[in-house]
Amino acid sequence: MDLSLTRRQQELINKVQEFMEKEISPSLLVPRATEGFDWDLVRKLARHNLVCPIVPKEYGGLGLDRFTTALIMEVIAAGHPGLAAVVAATLHAAEPIILAGSREQKERFLPSLTGRKAGLASFALTEPGGGSDLTKMETCAIKKDSAFFINGCKDYIINAPVASFISLIAATDHSRNKSSIRVFIIPGDLPGLKIGKRHTTSGLNYAAISEVIFDNTRLDESHVIREDEAGSGYLLLNQTFDRGRAMVAAISVGIARRAMEAAVEFAEEREQFGTRIKHHQAVAFALADMATDIEMARLLYWKAGWLIDQGGDYSTASAMAKLASSHIAQRVTCQAADIIGARAYEKGSLLEQLVRDARVLSTIEGTSNINRLLIASQL
């Protein structure tokens, strides 16, 4: 067992850390405009080709493995959780194409996520009436001749209003059986694609989130990831989610780490009863618990990322990493807020933001109970 990072990985982490501290983190607490999307942070990431680093080099990306990408996601999340969510959604949308897309699909869509002018992508599964239960999915893509006609609505879709393309999960018949699930690649400028209600969330609020509405929207059949290449749409969906959970776990660790660092800094400066509170046993023990939790969560996502790259069975490992890390992020941010006290709950403060960002992590990439079901099914 070797838990050391390679020289290249450590250099990359250091480079991203320096970049985040200088160019991204200062904007974390800057009030976000109520209208429009601030592309400035994405453009800064794009200068380093970090918008979607898993894109293979032949399509303009860095071609990073999933473990190294997760390491970077922790650093980005520690500096700006909302930006990390935007990147994670783009990774999630790119995964089905990388895993099972045709060469033509890869050549057309993946380069749009690379280089200095990189755009974003979106992954559309959740609907107003259902999320985890695929039998409740209403969105259907019915084939007629050489095209699919899509009807339905997806909701709470990250990056949807600004996406270069959307990876859509839809059924190909009204039975909504697992066998009918397919992944469709929807160009962002597709005629008939409508962006519906835009949502303002309390956490990860840098991201643009909205409904996506399809009203007899026509899509050429070349935009479907074919069953013979993917194995099945349902299998591809599960593979995509399993990989995405490792990234959300890394984001959770990044948020928790940033909160603990803020608590440590405060405890080293704050004096009560004649000594700095870091030396008060209650505070010291709380910090020790926080550090232990974070390290535990980090090792879980490291294992998941390693298994993905080794071609191992990573489904359970990813679910465990996501389940544990998302709850640890919530626990650590609240513990840090308790140490800092009233100022941590002031609107616009760092801890107030991190507490809100951490809270949403247990609902994305499968709720905590869905991940428990996945883990239990493998016992």
Protein backbone atom coordinates (compact mmCIF):
# COMPACT_ATOMS: atom_id res chain seq x y z
CA MET A 1 0.00 0.00 0.00
CA ASP A 2 1.46 3.33 -1.10
CA LEU A 3 -0.43 6.45 -0.08
CA SER A 4 2.19 8.88 -1.37
CA LEU A 5 1.40 11.21 -4.24
CA THR A 6 3.55 11.36 -7.34
CA ARG A 7 5.78 14.35 -7.92
CA ARG A 8 3.53 15.46 -10.78
CA GLN A 9 0.42 15.23 -8.61
CA GLN A 10 2.01 17.23 -5.79
CA GLU A 11 3.26 19.89 -8.20
CA LEU A 12 -0.19 20.15 -9.75
CA ILE A 13 -1.85 20.49 -6.34
CA ASN A 14 0.61 23.21 -5.34
CA LYS A 15 0.03 25.06 -8.60
CA VAL A 16 -3.76 24.94 -8.24
CA GLN A 17 -3.54 25.92 -4.56
CA GLU A 18 -1.47 28.99 -5.40
CA PHE A 19 -3.77 29.91 -8.25
CA MET A 20 -6.89 29.56 -6.10
CA GLU A 21 -5.48 31.69 -3.29
CA LYS A 22 -4.42 34.49 -5.63
CA GLU A 23 -7.18 34.61 -8.22
CA ILE A 24 -10.30 32.77 -7.04
CA SER A 25 -10.69 32.66 -3.24
CA PRO A 26 -10.89 36.45 -2.77
CA SER A 27 -14.13 36.46 -4.75
CA LEU A 28 -15.85 33.83 -2.56
CA LEU A 29 -17.61 36.33 -0.32
CA VAL A 30 -18.27 38.94 -3.00
CA PRO A 31 -22.07 39.28 -3.42
CA ARG A 32 -23.27 37.56 -6.58
CA ALA A 33 -25.33 39.46 -9.12
CA THR A 34 -28.95 38.34 -9.14
CA GLU A 35 -29.04 38.23 -12.93
CA GLY A 36 -26.70 36.52 -15.34
CA PHE A 37 -23.74 34.26 -14.78
CA ASP A 38 -20.26 35.48 -13.84
CA TRP A 39 -17.97 33.84 -16.37
CA ASP A 40 -14.85 35.45 -14.93
CA LEU A 41 -14.02 32.60 -12.54
CA VAL A 42 -14.56 29.97 -15.23
CA ARG A 43 -12.32 31.92 -17.60
CA LYS A 44 -9.56 31.96 -14.98
CA LEU A 45 -9.82 28.18 -14.63
CA ALA A 46 -9.84 27.85 -18.40
CA ARG A 47 -6.46 29.55 -18.65
CA HIS A 48 -5.07 26.47 -16.91
CA ASN A 49 -7.37 24.04 -18.80
CA LEU A 50 -9.03 23.05 -15.52
CA VAL A 51 -12.69 23.36 -16.48
CA CYS A 52 -12.86 19.67 -17.40
CA PRO A 53 -9.40 18.13 -16.84
CA ILE A 54 -10.57 14.56 -17.52
CA VAL A 55 -10.99 15.25 -21.25
CA PRO A 56 -8.35 13.18 -23.08
CA LYS A 57 -5.39 15.06 -24.56
CA GLU A 58 -6.39 14.15 -28.09
CA TYR A 59 -9.50 16.30 -27.66
CA GLY A 60 -7.66 19.22 -26.07
CA GLY A 61 -7.88 18.31 -22.37
CA LEU A 62 -5.30 17.46 -19.74
CA GLY A 63 -6.27 13.79 -19.77
CA LEU A 64 -6.05 13.50 -15.99
CA ASP A 65 -7.08 10.31 -14.22
CA ARG A 66 -9.97 10.44 -11.78
CA PHE A 67 -7.83 10.26 -8.64
CA THR A 68 -5.72 13.25 -9.67
CA THR A 69 -8.86 15.12 -10.71
CA ALA A 70 -10.40 14.47 -7.28
CA LEU A 71 -7.26 15.87 -5.62
CA ILE A 72 -7.72 19.05 -7.64
CA MET A 73 -11.44 19.20 -6.81
CA GLU A 74 -10.61 19.25 -3.10
CA VAL A 75 -8.35 22.26 -3.64
CA ILE A 76 -10.89 24.10 -5.79
CA ALA A 77 -13.66 23.44 -3.26
CA ALA A 78 -11.54 24.74 -0.41
CA GLY A 79 -11.10 27.98 -2.32
CA HIS A 80 -14.56 28.35 -3.83
CA PRO A 81 -17.22 25.64 -3.29
CA GLY A 82 -19.63 27.10 -5.83
CA LEU A 83 -17.01 27.02 -8.57
CA ALA A 84 -16.20 23.43 -7.63
CA ALA A 85 -19.88 22.53 -8.09
CA VAL A 86 -19.87 24.08 -11.56
CA VAL A 87 -16.78 22.06 -12.51
CA ALA A 88 -18.22 18.85 -11.00
CA ALA A 89 -21.40 19.23 -13.07
CA THR A 90 -19.27 19.63 -16.20
CA LEU A 91 -17.24 16.53 -15.34
CA HIS A 92 -20.48 14.64 -14.78
CA ALA A 93 -21.83 15.64 -18.18
CA ALA A 94 -18.59 14.72 -19.95
CA GLU A 95 -18.26 11.26 -18.36
CA PRO A 96 -20.89 9.46 -20.51
CA ILE A 97 -19.26 10.76 -23.68
CA ILE A 98 -15.77 9.79 -22.52
CA LEU A 99 -16.94 6.37 -21.36
CA ALA A 100 -19.14 5.38 -24.28
CA GLY A 101 -19.50 8.13 -26.84
CA SER A 102 -18.57 7.56 -30.46
CA ARG A 103 -15.43 9.15 -31.88
CA GLU A 104 -17.62 11.62 -33.76
CA GLN A 105 -19.42 12.61 -30.55
CA LYS A 106 -16.15 13.03 -28.70
CA GLU A 107 -14.66 15.14 -31.46
CA ARG A 108 -17.72 17.36 -31.59
CA PHE A 109 -18.48 17.95 -27.90
CA LEU A 110 -15.39 17.40 -25.74
CA PRO A 111 -13.21 20.18 -27.24
CA SER A 112 -15.85 22.72 -26.15
CA LEU A 113 -14.81 22.05 -22.54
CA THR A 114 -11.08 22.64 -23.05
CA GLY A 115 -8.65 25.47 -23.65
CA ARG A 116 -8.82 29.14 -22.78
CA LYS A 117 -12.35 29.53 -24.12
CA ALA A 118 -13.74 26.42 -22.44
CA GLY A 119 -17.44 26.32 -21.83
CA LEU A 120 -19.48 24.36 -19.30
CA ALA A 121 -21.72 21.32 -19.59
CA SER A 122 -24.75 20.07 -17.69
CA PHE A 123 -26.18 16.72 -16.63
CA ALA A 124 -29.97 16.47 -16.62
CA LEU A 125 -31.70 13.70 -14.68
CA THR A 126 -33.80 15.14 -11.82
CA GLU A 127 -37.41 16.04 -12.59
CA PRO A 128 -40.08 18.01 -10.70
CA GLY A 129 -41.90 14.79 -9.83
CA GLY A 130 -38.99 12.46 -9.26
CA GLY A 131 -35.28 12.06 -8.87
CA SER A 132 -33.87 8.77 -7.66
CA ASP A 133 -36.88 6.69 -8.77
CA LEU A 134 -36.37 6.24 -12.51
CA THR A 135 -39.83 4.71 -12.88
CA LYS A 136 -41.23 8.16 -12.12
CA MET A 137 -39.26 9.81 -14.91
CA GLU A 138 -41.61 11.54 -17.32
CA THR A 139 -39.15 12.73 -19.95
CA CYS A 140 -39.41 10.57 -23.08
CA ALA A 141 -37.54 10.58 -26.35
CA ILE A 142 -39.60 8.80 -28.99
CA LYS A 143 -37.88 7.83 -32.21
CA LYS A 144 -39.51 8.69 -35.51
CA ASP A 145 -37.56 7.87 -38.66
CA SER A 146 -34.00 9.14 -38.09
CA ALA A 147 -34.72 11.50 -35.19
CA PHE A 148 -35.92 11.53 -31.59
CA PHE A 149 -38.67 13.83 -30.37
CA ILE A 150 -38.25 14.74 -26.71
CA ASN A 151 -40.95 15.85 -24.30
CA GLY A 152 -40.59 16.50 -20.59
CA CYS A 153 -39.00 18.70 -17.97
CA LYS A 154 -35.83 18.41 -15.92
CA ASP A 155 -35.35 20.58 -12.83
CA TYR A 156 -32.60 21.89 -10.55
CA ILE A 157 -30.04 21.29 -13.29
CA ILE A 158 -26.65 22.86 -12.57
CA ASN A 159 -25.12 24.84 -15.47
CA ALA A 160 -28.21 24.34 -17.65
CA PRO A 161 -28.67 28.04 -18.58
CA VAL A 162 -25.02 28.39 -19.68
CA ALA A 163 -24.13 24.90 -20.94
CA SER A 164 -22.42 24.20 -24.25
CA PHE A 165 -24.26 20.88 -24.15
CA ILE A 166 -26.47 18.89 -21.81
CA SER A 167 -26.18 15.16 -21.17
CA LEU A 168 -29.84 14.21 -20.87
CA ILE A 169 -31.23 11.06 -19.30
CA ALA A 170 -34.53 10.06 -20.88
CA ALA A 171 -36.61 6.98 -21.63
CA THR A 172 -37.18 5.84 -25.20
CA ASP A 173 -40.70 4.58 -24.53
CA HIS A 174 -43.47 5.23 -22.06
CA SER A 175 -42.86 2.01 -20.11
CA ARG A 176 -39.94 3.75 -18.35
CA ASN A 177 -38.25 0.44 -17.71
CA LYS A 178 -34.54 0.50 -16.97
CA SER A 179 -33.90 -1.02 -20.38
CA SER A 180 -35.41 2.05 -22.05
CA ILE A 181 -32.99 4.53 -20.41
CA ARG A 182 -30.62 6.30 -22.80
CA VAL A 183 -28.16 9.18 -22.63
CA PHE A 184 -28.71 11.97 -25.18
CA ILE A 185 -26.30 14.79 -25.95
CA ILE A 186 -28.25 18.03 -26.30
CA PRO A 187 -26.43 21.00 -27.90
CA GLY A 188 -26.97 24.15 -25.87
CA ASP A 189 -28.31 25.97 -28.94
CA LEU A 190 -30.66 23.20 -30.06
CA PRO A 191 -33.89 24.66 -31.50
CA GLY A 192 -36.78 23.87 -29.20
CA LEU A 193 -34.65 23.59 -26.06
CA LYS A 194 -36.10 25.89 -23.42
CA ILE A 195 -34.58 27.08 -20.17
CA GLY A 196 -37.35 27.44 -17.61
CA LYS A 197 -37.41 28.79 -14.09
CA ARG A 198 -34.04 29.74 -12.68
CA HIS A 199 -33.40 28.86 -9.06
CA THR A 200 -31.57 30.81 -6.39
CA THR A 201 -30.15 28.42 -3.80
CA SER A 202 -28.74 29.13 -0.35
CA GLY A 203 -25.65 27.00 -0.95
CA LEU A 204 -23.24 26.64 -3.87
CA ASN A 205 -24.94 29.76 -5.15
CA TYR A 206 -22.34 30.67 -7.74
CA ALA A 207 -23.84 28.03 -10.04
CA ALA A 208 -26.56 28.76 -12.58
CA ILE A 209 -29.41 26.32 -11.85
CA SER A 210 -32.69 26.01 -13.72
CA GLU A 211 -35.40 23.93 -15.32
CA VAL A 212 -34.83 22.45 -18.77
CA ILE A 213 -37.99 22.03 -20.83
CA PHE A 214 -38.47 19.89 -23.92
CA ASP A 215 -41.60 20.40 -26.01
CA ASN A 216 -41.52 18.00 -28.94
CA THR A 217 -37.86 18.95 -29.34
CA ARG A 218 -36.28 17.25 -32.34
CA LEU A 219 -32.86 15.64 -31.92
CA ASP A 220 -30.93 13.81 -34.61
CA GLU A 221 -30.19 10.18 -33.73
CA SER A 222 -26.46 10.85 -33.97
CA HIS A 223 -26.80 12.56 -30.57
CA VAL A 224 -27.75 9.43 -28.64
CA ILE A 225 -25.03 7.36 -27.00
CA ARG A 226 -25.78 4.02 -28.57
CA GLU A 227 -26.65 1.00 -26.49
CA ASP A 228 -24.14 -1.25 -28.25
CA GLU A 229 -21.33 1.14 -27.29
CA ALA A 230 -22.49 1.85 -23.73
CA GLY A 231 -23.65 -1.66 -22.77
CA SER A 232 -26.95 -0.07 -21.75
CA GLY A 233 -28.10 3.42 -20.90
CA TYR A 234 -28.90 2.34 -17.34
CA LEU A 235 -25.42 0.87 -16.83
CA LEU A 236 -23.83 4.02 -18.24
CA LEU A 237 -25.94 6.15 -15.90
CA ASN A 238 -24.75 4.14 -12.89
CA GLN A 239 -21.10 4.32 -13.97
CA THR A 240 -21.42 8.08 -14.37
CA PHE A 241 -22.96 8.50 -10.93
CA ASP A 242 -20.38 6.26 -9.27
CA ARG A 243 -17.59 8.39 -10.69
CA GLY A 244 -19.38 11.62 -9.83
CA ARG A 245 -19.79 10.62 -6.19
CA ALA A 246 -16.02 10.49 -5.75
CA MET A 247 -15.84 14.10 -6.96
CA VAL A 248 -18.57 15.26 -4.58
CA ALA A 249 -16.69 13.53 -1.76
CA ALA A 250 -13.57 15.48 -2.69
CA ILE A 251 -15.58 18.73 -2.71
CA SER A 252 -16.92 17.85 0.75
CA VAL A 253 -13.40 17.39 2.07
CA GLY A 254 -12.32 20.70 0.57
CA ILE A 255 -15.16 22.58 2.27
CA ALA A 256 -14.51 20.85 5.60
CA ARG A 257 -10.78 21.59 5.39
CA ARG A 258 -11.40 25.27 4.71
CA ALA A 259 -13.75 25.46 7.71
CA MET A 260 -11.27 23.74 10.02
CA GLU A 261 -8.45 26.02 8.88
CA ALA A 262 -10.61 29.04 9.71
CA ALA A 263 -11.38 27.60 13.15
CA VAL A 264 -7.71 26.86 13.87
CA GLU A 265 -6.69 30.38 12.81
CA PHE A 266 -9.34 31.89 15.07
CA ALA A 267 -8.45 29.63 18.01
CA GLU A 268 -4.79 30.61 17.74
CA GLU A 269 -5.67 34.30 18.01
CA ARG A 270 -8.64 34.39 20.38
CA GLU A 271 -7.86 34.66 24.10
CA GLN A 272 -10.22 33.78 26.94
CA PHE A 273 -9.42 33.36 30.63
CA GLY A 274 -5.81 34.35 30.06
CA THR A 275 -4.91 31.88 27.30
CA ARG A 276 -5.57 31.30 23.63
CA ILE A 277 -8.62 29.12 23.22
CA LYS A 278 -6.69 26.62 21.11
CA HIS A 279 -5.18 25.46 24.39
CA HIS A 280 -8.58 25.00 26.04
CA GLN A 281 -9.22 21.29 26.13
CA ALA A 282 -12.78 21.53 24.80
CA VAL A 283 -11.64 23.48 21.75
CA ALA A 284 -8.50 21.40 21.25
CA PHE A 285 -10.49 18.16 21.32
CA ALA A 286 -13.06 19.57 18.87
CA LEU A 287 -10.25 20.50 16.47
CA ALA A 288 -8.74 17.03 16.86
CA ASP A 289 -12.08 15.41 16.02
CA MET A 290 -12.46 17.66 12.99
CA ALA A 291 -8.98 16.82 11.70
CA THR A 292 -9.62 13.10 12.19
CA ASP A 293 -12.95 13.25 10.38
CA ILE A 294 -11.44 15.11 7.45
CA GLU A 295 -8.58 12.65 7.11
CA MET A 296 -11.02 9.74 7.21
CA ALA A 297 -13.15 11.32 4.49
CA ARG A 298 -10.09 12.06 2.39
CA LEU A 299 -8.90 8.47 2.52
CA LEU A 300 -12.35 7.28 1.44
CA TYR A 301 -12.37 9.40 -1.69
CA TRP A 302 -8.73 8.53 -2.38
CA LYS A 303 -9.70 4.85 -2.37
CA ALA A 304 -12.67 5.46 -4.67
CA GLY A 305 -10.56 7.45 -7.11
CA TRP A 306 -7.82 4.82 -7.08
CA LEU A 307 -10.31 2.00 -7.76
CA ILE A 308 -11.79 3.92 -10.69
CA ASP A 309 -8.37 4.33 -12.27
CA GLN A 310 -7.41 0.71 -11.60
CA GLY A 311 -10.57 -0.59 -13.23
CA GLY A 312 -11.76 -2.09 -9.95
CA ASP A 313 -15.23 -2.32 -8.48
CA TYR A 314 -15.65 1.26 -7.28
CA SER A 315 -19.42 1.50 -6.82
CA THR A 316 -19.52 0.81 -3.08
CA ALA A 317 -16.33 2.76 -2.39
CA SER A 318 -17.72 5.85 -4.15
CA ALA A 319 -21.05 5.61 -2.32
CA MET A 320 -19.26 5.29 1.03
CA ALA A 321 -16.97 8.21 0.23
CA LYS A 322 -19.85 10.44 -0.78
CA LEU A 323 -22.08 9.43 2.15
CA ALA A 324 -19.43 9.90 4.82
CA SER A 325 -17.77 12.99 3.35
CA SER A 326 -20.98 14.96 2.83
CA HIS A 327 -22.00 14.43 6.47
CA ILE A 328 -18.51 15.16 7.73
CA ALA A 329 -18.54 18.45 5.82
CA GLN A 330 -21.77 19.43 7.55
CA ARG A 331 -20.49 18.38 10.96
CA VAL A 332 -17.11 20.10 10.62
CA THR A 333 -18.52 23.38 9.32
CA CYS A 334 -20.96 23.53 12.25
CA GLN A 335 -18.20 22.68 14.74
CA ALA A 336 -16.01 25.39 13.25
CA ALA A 337 -18.87 27.88 13.50
CA ASP A 338 -19.35 26.98 17.17
CA ILE A 339 -15.66 27.66 17.87
CA ILE A 340 -15.72 31.00 16.10
CA GLY A 341 -18.99 32.00 17.72
CA ALA A 342 -21.50 34.66 16.76
CA ARG A 343 -19.42 36.19 13.98
CA ALA A 344 -19.57 32.84 12.13
CA TYR A 345 -23.32 33.30 11.72
CA GLU A 346 -23.10 36.82 10.37
CA LYS A 347 -24.54 37.07 6.88
CA GLY A 348 -21.72 37.13 4.36
CA SER A 349 -19.08 35.62 6.65
CA LEU A 350 -16.88 32.73 5.52
CA LEU A 351 -18.31 30.16 7.94
CA GLU A 352 -21.88 31.20 7.23
CA GLN A 353 -21.20 30.55 3.55
CA LEU A 354 -19.44 27.23 4.16
CA VAL A 355 -22.24 25.93 6.40
CA ARG A 356 -24.75 26.62 3.62
CA ASP A 357 -22.49 25.09 0.97
CA ALA A 358 -21.94 21.93 3.02
CA ARG A 359 -25.63 21.40 3.68
CA VAL A 360 -26.54 20.72 0.05
CA LEU A 361 -23.88 18.02 -0.41
CA SER A 362 -26.00 15.26 1.10
CA THR A 363 -28.65 15.73 -1.61
CA ILE A 364 -26.61 15.81 -4.84
CA GLU A 365 -25.25 12.75 -6.69
CA GLY A 366 -27.83 10.67 -4.87
CA THR A 367 -29.24 11.52 -1.45
CA SER A 368 -27.67 10.00 1.64
CA ASN A 369 -30.39 7.38 1.89
CA ILE A 370 -29.92 6.38 -1.75
CA ASN A 371 -26.21 5.89 -1.08
CA ARG A 372 -27.05 3.83 2.00
CA LEU A 373 -29.27 1.63 -0.17
CA LEU A 374 -26.42 1.16 -2.65
CA ILE A 375 -23.99 0.20 0.11
CA ALA A 376 -26.45 -2.11 1.83
CA SER A 377 -27.21 -3.89 -1.44
CA GLN A 378 -23.56 -4.96 -1.64
CA LEU A 379 -23.33 -6.35 1.89
